[in-house]
Amino acid sequence: MKWALAIFVLVTGACSDPAGTQYLPIGSRCGTSAQCGTSPYVCNASSIYPNGYCEKACKTDGDCPADALCNPTVQACRRKCKVATDCRADEGYGCFVVTGQNAVCEPSPSVDGGS
């Protein structure tokens, strides 16, 4: 019986991804955090983020994946961009400068989440 329990624990423990596993790129649409990855990757599904936004908490750019920068205003990783079409422009996202020459995808100010 002990062996069966030990094997069950090993098998079920090996089936889950470790913390910090990213499934979708920062800025991807999402409905649940599980779509974005394991903690600390989450889906920001608040009304100002149309169709959700995969993100990760940060303090510096080094906390973010290579295709993202830390937006110090919201302390979350945001997708890098050069022009609005790099973002989900058809869903209401634009490309905004956050520091120096660095720009990230954020909801356009006119996006109200449908209210």
Protein backbone atom coordinates (compact mmCIF):
# COMPACT_ATOMS: atom_id res chain seq x y z
CA MET A 1 0.00 0.00 0.00
CA LYS A 2 2.84 2.40 0.82
CA TRP A 3 4.42 1.75 -2.59
CA ALA A 4 1.15 2.47 -4.38
CA LEU A 5 0.81 5.79 -2.51
CA ALA A 6 4.43 6.72 -3.28
CA ILE A 7 3.98 5.97 -6.98
CA PHE A 8 0.72 7.97 -7.06
CA VAL A 9 2.44 11.00 -5.48
CA LEU A 10 5.37 10.78 -7.90
CA VAL A 11 3.15 10.45 -10.96
CA THR A 12 0.69 13.20 -10.06
CA GLY A 13 3.47 15.53 -8.95
CA ALA A 14 5.32 15.04 -12.23
CA CYS A 15 2.29 16.02 -14.29
CA SER A 16 2.15 19.68 -13.26
CA ASP A 17 4.42 22.43 -14.51
CA PRO A 18 6.67 24.24 -12.05
CA ALA A 19 6.01 27.80 -10.92
CA GLY A 20 7.03 30.41 -13.48
CA THR A 21 6.07 28.37 -16.54
CA GLN A 22 4.78 30.65 -19.31
CA TYR A 23 2.17 29.24 -21.72
CA LEU A 24 1.11 32.33 -23.70
CA PRO A 25 3.15 35.45 -24.51
CA ILE A 26 2.66 38.56 -22.38
CA GLY A 27 -0.23 40.56 -23.84
CA SER A 28 -2.11 37.55 -25.21
CA ARG A 29 -5.89 37.38 -24.87
CA CYS A 30 -7.05 35.09 -22.07
CA GLY A 31 -10.02 34.18 -19.94
CA THR A 32 -8.25 32.48 -17.04
CA SER A 33 -4.81 32.64 -15.46
CA ALA A 34 -4.28 28.95 -16.23
CA GLN A 35 -4.13 29.87 -19.93
CA CYS A 36 -1.22 32.28 -19.36
CA GLY A 37 0.96 29.98 -17.27
CA THR A 38 1.72 29.04 -13.72
CA SER A 39 2.17 31.64 -10.99
CA PRO A 40 3.32 34.42 -11.28
CA TYR A 41 1.75 34.55 -14.80
CA VAL A 42 -1.88 35.64 -14.59
CA CYS A 43 -4.76 36.77 -16.75
CA ASN A 44 -5.86 40.33 -16.06
CA ALA A 45 -9.53 40.06 -16.97
CA SER A 46 -10.65 43.37 -15.48
CA SER A 47 -13.03 45.44 -17.57
CA ILE A 48 -10.30 47.80 -18.81
CA TYR A 49 -8.45 44.88 -20.46
CA PRO A 50 -10.74 43.72 -23.31
CA ASN A 51 -10.63 39.92 -23.77
CA GLY A 52 -8.06 39.65 -20.96
CA TYR A 53 -4.31 40.30 -20.95
CA CYS A 54 -1.65 37.79 -19.89
CA GLU A 55 0.75 39.51 -17.51
CA LYS A 56 3.34 38.97 -14.80
CA ALA A 57 4.10 41.22 -11.82
CA CYS A 58 7.44 43.06 -12.05
CA LYS A 59 9.63 45.74 -10.58
CA THR A 60 12.20 45.93 -13.38
CA ASP A 61 12.45 44.90 -17.05
CA GLY A 62 14.63 41.99 -15.89
CA ASP A 63 11.57 40.43 -14.24
CA CYS A 64 9.85 40.12 -17.64
CA PRO A 65 10.27 37.73 -20.59
CA ALA A 66 12.39 38.94 -23.53
CA ASP A 67 9.34 40.11 -25.53
CA ALA A 68 8.06 42.33 -22.70
CA LEU A 69 8.97 45.31 -20.52
CA CYS A 70 7.96 46.29 -17.01
CA ASN A 71 5.39 49.09 -16.97
CA PRO A 72 6.25 50.87 -13.71
CA THR A 73 2.80 52.47 -13.52
CA VAL A 74 1.01 49.13 -13.14
CA GLN A 75 4.07 47.10 -11.99
CA ALA A 76 3.31 44.40 -14.55
CA CYS A 77 5.05 43.10 -17.66
CA ARG A 78 3.60 44.42 -20.91
CA ARG A 79 4.23 43.37 -24.51
CA LYS A 80 6.90 45.47 -26.28
CA CYS A 81 5.75 47.41 -29.33
CA LYS A 82 6.81 49.99 -31.89
CA VAL A 83 3.41 50.70 -33.48
CA ALA A 84 -0.22 50.01 -32.56
CA THR A 85 -0.42 47.06 -34.97
CA ASP A 86 2.14 45.27 -32.75
CA CYS A 87 -0.62 45.22 -30.16
CA ARG A 88 -4.19 43.97 -30.33
CA ALA A 89 -5.35 47.22 -31.96
CA ASP A 90 -8.60 45.70 -33.23
CA GLU A 91 -9.47 44.92 -29.59
CA GLY A 92 -8.71 48.44 -28.34
CA TYR A 93 -5.03 48.20 -27.42
CA GLY A 94 -2.43 50.77 -28.42
CA CYS A 95 1.32 51.25 -28.22
CA PHE A 96 2.32 53.75 -25.50
CA VAL A 97 5.73 55.02 -24.37
CA VAL A 98 6.40 54.14 -20.72
CA THR A 99 10.08 55.02 -20.24
CA GLY A 100 12.47 56.81 -22.58
CA GLN A 101 12.06 55.17 -26.00
CA ASN A 102 10.40 52.03 -24.60
CA ALA A 103 6.78 51.43 -25.57
CA VAL A 104 4.32 48.76 -24.49
CA CYS A 105 0.82 47.57 -25.35
CA GLU A 106 -1.89 48.91 -23.07
CA PRO A 107 -5.62 49.51 -23.48
CA SER A 108 -6.34 52.74 -25.35
CA PRO A 109 -7.85 55.43 -23.09
CA SER A 110 -11.13 55.24 -25.03
CA VAL A 111 -11.60 51.55 -24.07
CA ASP A 112 -14.27 51.39 -21.37
CA GLY A 113 -14.82 47.67 -21.17
CA GLY A 114 -18.26 47.94 -22.72
CA SER A 115 -19.87 50.05 -20.00
